[in-house]
Amino acid sequence: MLTAEQNEELTAVEAGTPMGEVLRRYWYPVAFARELQEFPVKRVELLGEFFALWRSPSGRYGIIPEPCPHRKASMAYGVVEGDGLRCPYHGWKFDTDGACTDQPAEKENTNFAERVRATAGKVEELGGLVWAYIGPDPAPLLPRFDVYVMDGYRDIGWADIPCNYVQVMENAVDPHHVEHLHGRYFEFIGNHEGFVAPASFGKKHQRIGFDAFEWGIIKRRVLAGASEDNDDWKVGHPLVFPYNMRVGGGGIHQMQIRVPINRTTTRFMLYTVHAPEGYEPVEQQTVPDYEIPVFDERGHHVVNYVEGQDIMAWCTQGRITDRTTEHLGRSDIGVALLRKMFRQSMQAVAKGEDPLGTIREPHERIDLPCEKDKFHAGGAEFALDFCNMGSTRYSPDLEAIRQVHISAAARVAADKEAGRTSFTPVGGIGTATLAPETSAQVDSGTIPR
């Protein structure tokens, strides 16, 4: 367990706090690209601060704090002109670097404008999302992780959930919850609501393991009926520090994003690319985004789909989990490793160093290790369960996505029957360098506490 002071430090997101300063060293998705194409300025909240985000007619992006440096009116209601944003109140204009370029009603023969600046962040577009960096210079590069740049049919589910992001991230290194929350509990709900829960989610864990690597933690598991030769152990999937988790299986590639909006609100995003073996490209004009349900009309959590079960577990711990009264067991070694990484990154930033996973080398794509044969459940079978029983059920493109997997499976079967080899266009999975000194594993039922 943690002390109250340690829990306060761990869950902080505000500027000037140790964790708040760590979090300001990363890029975050703050809008969907289509939003700023529909209307060029938007108010966004990130790490407990409000900003005005805009897109110019030339396609350049800018982000500055919401209060105008002049008289504090909201720049989120500003007028986009050229590559700048003009305050709606008195017309002061700021460019994407934060410089004040126009001050109507002020004398032009002074240096007043030069003495006024907005603290501008950096903005880029990638994969249908608009990303912002609001930390100190020099900014790291925006990581081009494989999911955002690979070929495939994509969509983005999201929800704003009322809890601190750390308890969401701790779930990412908690493999055992799958067989209970998404296995037994899912079956229990299905029995009462009249549906059959996916059998693969209920398989018992025989062993779990965690390895630190350059982007965070690789999570591994051996399930009943499998061995260390299966993808779930041999490859695993990564928690990408400090706010992502990369998952996959059955031709599905997904980045689960947990943006700390403020200390008690997290934007949970499911960025999914469907690219099964045998996939033939399907044109998409835009990447669809859709809100997934958190509560029903009674105010109860919606728990008849996978991510809804996760959200229930995260939120019912409270807006900020009280870690002073918890009791960690041997199955929580991944949680302990993650907290250690948070502490190490706080120490690094305090010394003027980069925290874990910041990147400064130009690159085209970063391949993350991720299992393909998830839960050794079979490709198309797992993919269709994913579509029907997960957040994708709420996608406006659900039927098109299902058809992607069904058609690809039919092509693979036909090719196999004809003696041909199918080809998938999404590229291979890169190799990560592991750090054995920060590795841990547990054989369920065999290692004492």
Protein backbone atom coordinates (compact mmCIF):
# COMPACT_ATOMS: atom_id res chain seq x y z
CA MET A 1 0.00 0.00 0.00
CA LEU A 2 0.99 3.65 -0.37
CA THR A 3 0.93 6.47 2.14
CA ALA A 4 -1.55 9.29 1.59
CA GLU A 5 1.35 11.52 0.47
CA GLN A 6 2.61 8.94 -2.02
CA ASN A 7 -0.88 8.46 -3.44
CA GLU A 8 -1.29 12.22 -3.80
CA GLU A 9 2.01 12.47 -5.64
CA LEU A 10 1.27 9.49 -7.92
CA THR A 11 -2.13 10.75 -9.06
CA ALA A 12 -1.31 14.43 -9.58
CA VAL A 13 -1.52 15.90 -13.09
CA GLU A 14 -1.18 19.63 -12.36
CA ALA A 15 1.75 21.77 -13.43
CA GLY A 16 4.43 22.07 -10.77
CA THR A 17 3.77 18.65 -9.23
CA PRO A 18 6.33 15.86 -9.80
CA MET A 19 3.93 13.70 -11.84
CA GLY A 20 2.42 16.73 -13.57
CA GLU A 21 5.86 17.66 -14.82
CA VAL A 22 6.47 14.10 -16.03
CA LEU A 23 3.18 14.05 -17.93
CA ARG A 24 3.99 17.35 -19.65
CA ARG A 25 6.89 15.65 -21.44
CA TYR A 26 4.55 13.68 -23.75
CA TRP A 27 2.22 14.27 -26.70
CA TYR A 28 -1.54 13.67 -26.28
CA PRO A 29 -4.50 13.37 -28.68
CA VAL A 30 -6.71 16.37 -27.95
CA ALA A 31 -9.18 16.32 -30.86
CA PHE A 32 -10.32 14.38 -33.90
CA ALA A 33 -9.00 15.82 -37.15
CA ARG A 34 -12.52 15.95 -38.60
CA GLU A 35 -13.64 18.26 -35.71
CA LEU A 36 -11.33 21.10 -36.75
CA GLN A 37 -12.22 20.57 -40.39
CA GLU A 38 -15.87 21.09 -39.42
CA PHE A 39 -15.12 24.14 -37.22
CA PRO A 40 -11.58 25.52 -36.92
CA VAL A 41 -11.31 26.28 -33.18
CA LYS A 42 -12.02 24.17 -30.12
CA ARG A 43 -11.74 24.44 -26.34
CA VAL A 44 -9.78 21.49 -24.92
CA GLU A 45 -8.81 20.43 -21.41
CA LEU A 46 -5.54 18.60 -20.80
CA LEU A 47 -3.69 17.89 -17.54
CA GLY A 48 -6.02 20.16 -15.60
CA GLU A 49 -5.59 23.19 -17.90
CA PHE A 50 -7.85 24.65 -20.60
CA PHE A 51 -6.55 25.59 -24.05
CA ALA A 52 -7.71 27.04 -27.35
CA LEU A 53 -6.84 24.72 -30.22
CA TRP A 54 -7.18 25.91 -33.82
CA ARG A 55 -6.54 24.96 -37.42
CA SER A 56 -5.72 27.60 -39.99
CA PRO A 57 -7.01 27.58 -43.60
CA SER A 58 -3.51 26.50 -44.69
CA GLY A 59 -3.71 23.45 -42.41
CA ARG A 60 -1.38 24.68 -39.65
CA TYR A 61 -2.38 23.98 -36.05
CA GLY A 62 -1.91 26.04 -32.93
CA ILE A 63 -2.63 25.69 -29.23
CA ILE A 64 -2.41 28.35 -26.51
CA PRO A 65 -3.90 28.66 -22.99
CA GLU A 66 -7.57 29.60 -23.13
CA PRO A 67 -7.34 32.96 -21.26
CA CYS A 68 -6.23 35.81 -23.53
CA PRO A 69 -3.08 37.45 -22.13
CA HIS A 70 -4.83 40.84 -22.50
CA ARG A 71 -7.97 40.67 -20.32
CA LYS A 72 -8.46 36.88 -19.93
CA ALA A 73 -11.44 36.40 -22.26
CA SER A 74 -11.66 32.94 -23.82
CA MET A 75 -9.52 32.41 -26.89
CA ALA A 76 -11.55 29.25 -27.56
CA TYR A 77 -14.17 31.63 -29.02
CA GLY A 78 -11.50 33.32 -31.11
CA VAL A 79 -11.45 34.12 -34.80
CA VAL A 80 -9.09 32.08 -36.97
CA GLU A 81 -7.29 34.43 -39.36
CA GLY A 82 -4.37 33.36 -41.51
CA ASP A 83 -2.19 31.18 -39.31
CA GLY A 84 -3.23 32.96 -36.12
CA LEU A 85 -6.08 33.24 -33.62
CA ARG A 86 -7.69 36.61 -32.82
CA CYS A 87 -9.35 37.23 -29.43
CA PRO A 88 -13.11 37.79 -29.82
CA TYR A 89 -13.09 40.48 -27.09
CA HIS A 90 -10.55 43.11 -28.22
CA GLY A 91 -9.04 41.55 -31.33
CA TRP A 92 -5.52 40.85 -30.14
CA LYS A 93 -4.04 38.23 -32.44
CA PHE A 94 -1.54 35.46 -31.63
CA ASP A 95 0.37 33.19 -33.99
CA THR A 96 1.19 29.50 -33.58
CA ASP A 97 4.37 30.38 -31.67
CA GLY A 98 2.40 32.50 -29.18
CA ALA A 99 3.65 35.86 -30.44
CA CYS A 100 1.20 38.78 -30.37
CA THR A 101 1.04 39.97 -33.98
CA ASP A 102 -1.76 42.55 -33.77
CA GLN A 103 -3.15 44.85 -31.05
CA PRO A 104 -6.04 46.93 -32.40
CA ALA A 105 -6.56 50.18 -30.46
CA GLU A 106 -2.93 50.22 -29.29
CA LYS A 107 -0.25 52.51 -30.73
CA GLU A 108 1.84 50.93 -33.43
CA ASN A 109 5.03 52.84 -32.65
CA THR A 110 5.73 50.99 -29.38
CA ASN A 111 7.15 47.60 -28.46
CA PHE A 112 4.05 46.68 -26.44
CA ALA A 113 3.17 43.72 -28.68
CA GLU A 114 6.68 42.33 -28.33
CA ARG A 115 6.25 42.23 -24.55
CA VAL A 116 3.08 40.12 -24.72
CA ARG A 117 3.17 36.39 -25.47
CA ALA A 118 0.94 33.39 -25.06
CA THR A 119 2.58 30.13 -23.94
CA ALA A 120 2.16 28.15 -27.13
CA GLY A 121 2.37 24.38 -27.35
CA LYS A 122 3.12 22.19 -30.35
CA VAL A 123 0.44 20.51 -32.50
CA GLU A 124 0.57 17.82 -35.18
CA GLU A 125 -1.94 15.60 -36.97
CA LEU A 126 -1.40 11.83 -37.10
CA GLY A 127 -3.78 8.98 -37.90
CA GLY A 128 -6.93 11.10 -37.89
CA LEU A 129 -6.10 12.60 -34.48
CA VAL A 130 -4.78 16.02 -33.50
CA TRP A 131 -1.91 15.74 -31.01
CA ALA A 132 -0.62 18.43 -28.65
CA TYR A 133 2.52 18.89 -26.60
CA ILE A 134 2.29 21.51 -23.82
CA GLY A 135 5.56 20.88 -22.01
CA PRO A 136 8.90 22.68 -21.99
CA ASP A 137 11.19 23.08 -24.99
CA PRO A 138 12.80 21.36 -26.71
CA ALA A 139 9.77 19.18 -27.44
CA PRO A 140 10.33 15.48 -28.11
CA LEU A 141 9.13 14.06 -31.40
CA LEU A 142 5.61 12.71 -31.74
CA PRO A 143 6.02 8.89 -31.69
CA ARG A 144 4.70 7.31 -34.87
CA PHE A 145 3.58 4.04 -33.30
CA ASP A 146 2.59 1.27 -35.73
CA VAL A 147 -1.16 1.42 -35.09
CA TYR A 148 -1.38 5.05 -36.25
CA VAL A 149 0.46 4.58 -39.53
CA MET A 150 -0.28 1.00 -40.70
CA ASP A 151 -2.72 0.12 -43.46
CA GLY A 152 -6.14 -1.14 -42.44
CA TYR A 153 -9.75 -0.24 -41.73
CA ARG A 154 -9.87 1.99 -38.66
CA ASP A 155 -12.22 3.59 -36.18
CA ILE A 156 -12.00 5.31 -32.80
CA GLY A 157 -14.27 4.70 -29.81
CA TRP A 158 -14.06 6.97 -26.80
CA ALA A 159 -15.61 7.97 -23.47
CA ASP A 160 -14.81 10.50 -20.75
CA ILE A 161 -14.79 8.57 -17.50
CA PRO A 162 -14.88 9.98 -13.94
CA CYS A 163 -11.66 8.64 -12.45
CA ASN A 164 -7.94 9.25 -12.28
CA TYR A 165 -5.89 7.82 -15.15
CA VAL A 166 -3.48 5.87 -12.89
CA GLN A 167 -6.12 3.32 -11.84
CA VAL A 168 -6.83 2.80 -15.55
CA MET A 169 -3.14 2.23 -16.25
CA GLU A 170 -2.77 -0.16 -13.31
CA ASN A 171 -5.42 -2.32 -14.98
CA ALA A 172 -3.10 -2.60 -17.99
CA VAL A 173 -0.61 -4.64 -15.91
CA ASP A 174 -3.23 -6.78 -14.18
CA PRO A 175 -3.67 -9.89 -16.37
CA HIS A 176 -5.70 -11.91 -13.86
CA HIS A 177 -8.68 -9.58 -14.09
CA VAL A 178 -9.43 -10.93 -17.58
CA GLU A 179 -10.59 -14.40 -16.47
CA HIS A 180 -12.77 -12.92 -13.74
CA LEU A 181 -14.08 -9.57 -15.01
CA HIS A 182 -14.30 -10.58 -18.67
CA GLY A 183 -14.78 -14.29 -18.00
CA ARG A 184 -16.88 -15.21 -14.97
CA TYR A 185 -18.55 -11.83 -14.61
CA PHE A 186 -19.28 -11.61 -18.35
CA GLU A 187 -20.82 -15.09 -18.23
CA PHE A 188 -22.89 -14.08 -15.19
CA ILE A 189 -24.26 -11.01 -17.00
CA GLY A 190 -24.88 -13.07 -20.15
CA ASN A 191 -26.89 -15.65 -18.21
CA HIS A 192 -29.17 -12.89 -16.92
CA GLU A 193 -29.43 -10.90 -20.15
CA GLY A 194 -29.68 -13.85 -22.54
CA PHE A 195 -26.41 -13.83 -24.46
CA VAL A 196 -23.36 -16.09 -24.60
CA ALA A 197 -20.12 -14.52 -23.37
CA PRO A 198 -16.88 -15.25 -25.31
CA ALA A 199 -15.37 -18.46 -23.95
CA SER A 200 -11.76 -17.39 -24.64
CA PHE A 201 -11.92 -14.63 -22.01
CA GLY A 202 -12.57 -17.10 -19.20
CA LYS A 203 -9.41 -19.20 -19.60
CA LYS A 204 -7.46 -19.61 -16.36
CA HIS A 205 -4.04 -17.98 -16.01
CA GLN A 206 -1.23 -20.42 -15.30
CA ARG A 207 1.60 -17.89 -15.33
CA ILE A 208 2.04 -14.14 -15.71
CA GLY A 209 5.20 -12.17 -16.43
CA PHE A 210 6.35 -8.58 -16.93
CA ASP A 211 9.45 -7.17 -18.63
CA ALA A 212 10.55 -3.56 -18.68
CA PHE A 213 11.54 -2.34 -22.15
CA GLU A 214 12.23 0.96 -23.88
CA TRP A 215 8.56 2.00 -24.11
CA GLY A 216 7.22 0.66 -20.80
CA ILE A 217 6.25 -2.86 -19.74
CA ILE A 218 5.58 -6.00 -21.78
CA LYS A 219 2.83 -8.09 -20.18
CA ARG A 220 2.85 -11.87 -20.69
CA ARG A 221 0.53 -14.74 -19.76
CA VAL A 222 0.23 -18.49 -20.12
CA LEU A 223 -3.39 -19.61 -20.18
CA ALA A 224 -4.84 -23.05 -19.54
CA GLY A 225 -4.29 -25.26 -22.57
CA ALA A 226 -1.37 -23.15 -23.83
CA SER A 227 2.38 -22.94 -23.24
CA GLU A 228 5.25 -20.47 -23.40
CA ASP A 229 5.34 -21.10 -27.15
CA ASN A 230 2.02 -19.28 -27.57
CA ASP A 231 1.95 -15.60 -28.50
CA ASP A 232 0.42 -14.54 -25.17
CA TRP A 233 3.73 -15.43 -23.48
CA LYS A 234 6.34 -15.48 -26.25
CA VAL A 235 5.34 -12.03 -27.59
CA GLY A 236 2.89 -10.52 -25.10
CA HIS A 237 1.72 -6.95 -25.43
CA PRO A 238 2.98 -3.65 -24.05
CA LEU A 239 1.89 -0.96 -21.67
CA VAL A 240 3.30 2.07 -23.47
CA PHE A 241 4.36 4.50 -20.75
CA PRO A 242 2.76 6.59 -19.39
CA TYR A 243 -0.79 6.40 -20.79
CA ASN A 244 -1.21 3.76 -23.53
CA MET A 245 -1.62 0.03 -23.96
CA ARG A 246 -1.11 -1.79 -27.28
CA VAL A 247 -3.25 -4.90 -27.79
CA GLY A 248 -4.05 -7.16 -30.71
CA GLY A 249 -5.25 -10.48 -32.03
CA GLY A 250 -7.21 -11.93 -34.93
CA GLY A 251 -6.02 -9.23 -37.33
CA ILE A 252 -7.00 -6.44 -34.92
CA HIS A 253 -4.44 -3.84 -33.87
CA GLN A 254 -5.46 -1.45 -31.13
CA MET A 255 -3.97 1.31 -29.03
CA GLN A 256 -5.89 1.94 -25.83
CA ILE A 257 -5.29 5.58 -24.91
CA ARG A 258 -5.94 7.02 -21.44
CA VAL A 259 -5.57 10.82 -21.57
CA PRO A 260 -5.44 12.59 -18.17
CA ILE A 261 -7.94 15.39 -18.79
CA ASN A 262 -7.68 16.43 -15.15
CA ARG A 263 -7.04 14.63 -11.89
CA THR A 264 -10.49 12.98 -11.79
CA THR A 265 -11.37 12.70 -15.51
CA THR A 266 -9.76 10.42 -18.08
CA ARG A 267 -10.52 10.32 -21.79
CA PHE A 268 -10.49 6.63 -22.68
CA MET A 269 -9.91 6.09 -26.41
CA LEU A 270 -9.82 2.87 -28.44
CA TYR A 271 -7.91 3.47 -31.65
CA THR A 272 -8.45 0.31 -33.70
CA VAL A 273 -7.09 -0.87 -37.05
CA HIS A 274 -8.63 -3.96 -38.65
CA ALA A 275 -6.10 -5.63 -40.95
CA PRO A 276 -6.50 -9.43 -40.87
CA GLU A 277 -4.51 -11.79 -43.03
CA GLY A 278 -6.11 -11.67 -46.46
CA TYR A 279 -7.28 -8.07 -45.98
CA GLU A 280 -7.89 -6.08 -49.15
CA PRO A 281 -7.78 -2.29 -48.65
CA VAL A 282 -11.13 -0.54 -48.23
CA GLU A 283 -11.20 3.20 -48.85
CA GLN A 284 -12.12 5.44 -45.90
CA GLN A 285 -12.66 9.15 -46.45
CA THR A 286 -12.40 9.89 -42.73
CA VAL A 287 -11.68 7.90 -39.59
CA PRO A 288 -15.04 7.53 -37.79
CA ASP A 289 -15.19 8.34 -34.09
CA TYR A 290 -18.01 7.36 -31.76
CA GLU A 291 -18.82 7.61 -28.06
CA ILE A 292 -19.15 4.37 -26.11
CA PRO A 293 -21.64 4.18 -23.22
CA VAL A 294 -20.55 4.43 -19.60
CA PHE A 295 -23.91 4.66 -17.78
CA ASP A 296 -27.45 3.59 -18.69
CA GLU A 297 -30.62 5.63 -18.19
CA ARG A 298 -30.71 4.57 -14.52
CA GLY A 299 -27.19 5.79 -13.90
CA HIS A 300 -25.86 2.22 -13.67
CA HIS A 301 -22.68 1.15 -15.45
CA VAL A 302 -23.21 -0.58 -18.81
CA VAL A 303 -21.41 -3.90 -18.28
CA ASN A 304 -22.54 -6.16 -21.13
CA TYR A 305 -19.47 -5.39 -23.24
CA VAL A 306 -15.77 -5.79 -22.46
CA GLU A 307 -14.66 -2.19 -22.12
CA GLY A 308 -17.79 -1.30 -20.15
CA GLN A 309 -16.73 -3.90 -17.59
CA ASP A 310 -13.29 -2.30 -17.37
CA ILE A 311 -14.80 1.15 -16.96
CA MET A 312 -17.01 -0.11 -14.14
CA ALA A 313 -14.01 -1.59 -12.34
CA TRP A 314 -11.97 1.60 -12.75
CA CYS A 315 -14.68 4.02 -11.72
CA THR A 316 -16.08 2.09 -8.76
CA GLN A 317 -12.67 2.38 -7.09
CA GLY A 318 -13.55 6.05 -6.62
CA ARG A 319 -12.46 9.11 -8.54
CA ILE A 320 -9.02 8.63 -6.99
CA THR A 321 -8.34 5.18 -5.54
CA ASP A 322 -7.44 5.17 -1.84
CA ARG A 323 -4.21 3.18 -2.01
CA THR A 324 -3.58 3.56 1.73
CA THR A 325 -5.99 0.69 2.47
CA GLU A 326 -5.20 -1.70 -0.39
CA HIS A 327 -3.62 -5.14 0.02
CA LEU A 328 -1.39 -6.07 -2.90
CA GLY A 329 -0.70 -9.75 -3.54
CA ARG A 330 1.68 -11.72 -5.73
CA SER A 331 -0.61 -11.24 -8.72
CA ASP A 332 -0.01 -7.46 -8.45
CA ILE A 333 3.69 -7.50 -9.36
CA GLY A 334 2.92 -5.62 -12.58
CA VAL A 335 1.22 -2.85 -10.61
CA ALA A 336 4.29 -2.56 -8.35
CA LEU A 337 6.57 -2.37 -11.42
CA LEU A 338 4.46 0.38 -12.98
CA ARG A 339 4.54 2.46 -9.79
CA LYS A 340 8.31 2.04 -9.71
CA MET A 341 8.49 3.40 -13.27
CA PHE A 342 6.42 6.42 -12.31
CA ARG A 343 8.81 7.13 -9.41
CA GLN A 344 11.86 6.70 -11.64
CA SER A 345 10.44 9.10 -14.22
CA MET A 346 9.68 11.69 -11.53
CA GLN A 347 13.29 11.44 -10.39
CA ALA A 348 14.58 11.74 -13.96
CA VAL A 349 12.56 14.89 -14.69
CA ALA A 350 13.64 16.43 -11.38
CA LYS A 351 17.26 16.00 -12.56
CA GLY A 352 16.52 17.60 -15.93
CA GLU A 353 16.47 14.30 -17.83
CA ASP A 354 13.89 12.84 -20.20
CA PRO A 355 11.40 10.40 -18.67
CA LEU A 356 10.81 6.92 -20.07
CA GLY A 357 9.68 6.64 -23.67
CA THR A 358 10.35 10.16 -24.95
CA ILE A 359 11.86 10.16 -28.43
CA ARG A 360 14.15 12.61 -30.17
CA GLU A 361 15.31 10.59 -33.19
CA PRO A 362 13.40 11.08 -36.48
CA HIS A 363 11.57 7.94 -37.56
CA GLU A 364 8.85 6.74 -39.91
CA ARG A 365 7.31 4.04 -37.73
CA ILE A 366 7.80 2.39 -34.35
CA ASP A 367 6.71 -1.26 -34.31
CA LEU A 368 5.62 -2.45 -30.88
CA PRO A 369 5.72 -6.14 -29.87
CA CYS A 370 2.18 -7.48 -29.73
CA GLU A 371 0.63 -10.94 -29.88
CA LYS A 372 -1.31 -11.94 -32.99
CA ASP A 373 -2.91 -15.16 -31.73
CA LYS A 374 -4.71 -13.65 -28.73
CA PHE A 375 -5.78 -16.20 -26.07
CA HIS A 376 -5.00 -18.91 -28.70
CA ALA A 377 -8.64 -18.41 -29.73
CA GLY A 378 -8.37 -18.43 -33.51
CA GLY A 379 -8.16 -15.38 -35.78
CA ALA A 380 -11.60 -14.72 -37.25
CA GLU A 381 -13.41 -16.17 -34.21
CA PHE A 382 -11.59 -13.82 -31.85
CA ALA A 383 -12.09 -10.87 -34.22
CA LEU A 384 -15.85 -11.37 -34.47
CA ASP A 385 -16.14 -11.77 -30.69
CA PHE A 386 -14.17 -8.54 -30.41
CA CYS A 387 -16.61 -6.80 -32.76
CA ASN A 388 -19.78 -8.19 -31.21
CA MET A 389 -18.90 -8.15 -27.51
CA GLY A 390 -16.55 -5.17 -27.26
CA SER A 391 -16.77 -1.44 -27.86
CA THR A 392 -16.73 -1.93 -31.65
CA ARG A 393 -20.40 -2.97 -31.38
CA TYR A 394 -21.14 0.78 -31.08
CA SER A 395 -19.12 1.76 -34.15
CA PRO A 396 -21.13 3.33 -36.97
CA ASP A 397 -19.04 1.12 -39.27
CA LEU A 398 -19.69 -2.15 -37.41
CA GLU A 399 -21.10 -4.04 -40.38
CA ALA A 400 -18.29 -2.91 -42.67
CA ILE A 401 -15.73 -3.98 -40.06
CA ARG A 402 -17.35 -7.39 -39.62
CA GLN A 403 -17.28 -7.84 -43.38
CA VAL A 404 -13.56 -6.98 -43.46
CA HIS A 405 -12.87 -9.97 -41.18
CA ILE A 406 -15.36 -12.35 -42.80
CA SER A 407 -14.12 -11.59 -46.32
CA ALA A 408 -10.46 -11.88 -45.30
CA ALA A 409 -11.07 -15.25 -43.63
CA ALA A 410 -12.83 -16.49 -46.77
CA ARG A 411 -9.88 -15.40 -48.93
CA VAL A 412 -7.39 -17.15 -46.65
CA ALA A 413 -9.50 -20.34 -46.71
CA ALA A 414 -9.77 -20.22 -50.49
CA ASP A 415 -6.04 -19.61 -50.89
CA LYS A 416 -5.24 -22.47 -48.54
CA GLU A 417 -7.49 -24.82 -50.46
CA ALA A 418 -5.82 -23.75 -53.69
CA GLY A 419 -2.34 -24.12 -52.21
CA ARG A 420 -1.58 -20.38 -52.27
CA THR A 421 -0.05 -18.30 -49.47
CA SER A 422 -2.00 -15.30 -48.24
CA PHE A 423 -0.26 -12.00 -47.66
CA THR A 424 -1.08 -9.37 -45.07
CA PRO A 425 0.05 -5.79 -45.86
CA VAL A 426 0.45 -4.46 -42.34
CA GLY A 427 4.13 -5.28 -41.81
CA GLY A 428 5.99 -7.26 -39.19
CA ILE A 429 6.40 -6.73 -35.50
CA GLY A 430 9.66 -5.18 -34.33
CA THR A 431 11.96 -6.61 -31.70
CA ALA A 432 12.21 -4.94 -28.30
CA THR A 433 15.22 -4.97 -26.02
CA LEU A 434 14.21 -6.29 -22.62
CA ALA A 435 15.69 -5.39 -19.26
CA PRO A 436 16.00 -8.62 -17.22
CA GLU A 437 16.74 -6.72 -14.03
CA THR A 438 13.21 -5.32 -14.13
CA SER A 439 11.45 -8.53 -15.08
CA ALA A 440 9.04 -10.48 -12.91
CA GLN A 441 6.77 -13.48 -13.30
CA VAL A 442 4.41 -15.59 -11.27
CA ASP A 443 3.31 -19.20 -11.70
CA SER A 444 -0.26 -19.16 -10.43
CA GLY A 445 -0.70 -21.34 -7.38
CA THR A 446 2.97 -22.37 -7.09
CA ILE A 447 4.94 -19.40 -5.75
CA PRO A 448 4.21 -18.33 -2.15
CA ARG A 449 3.96 -14.68 -1.16
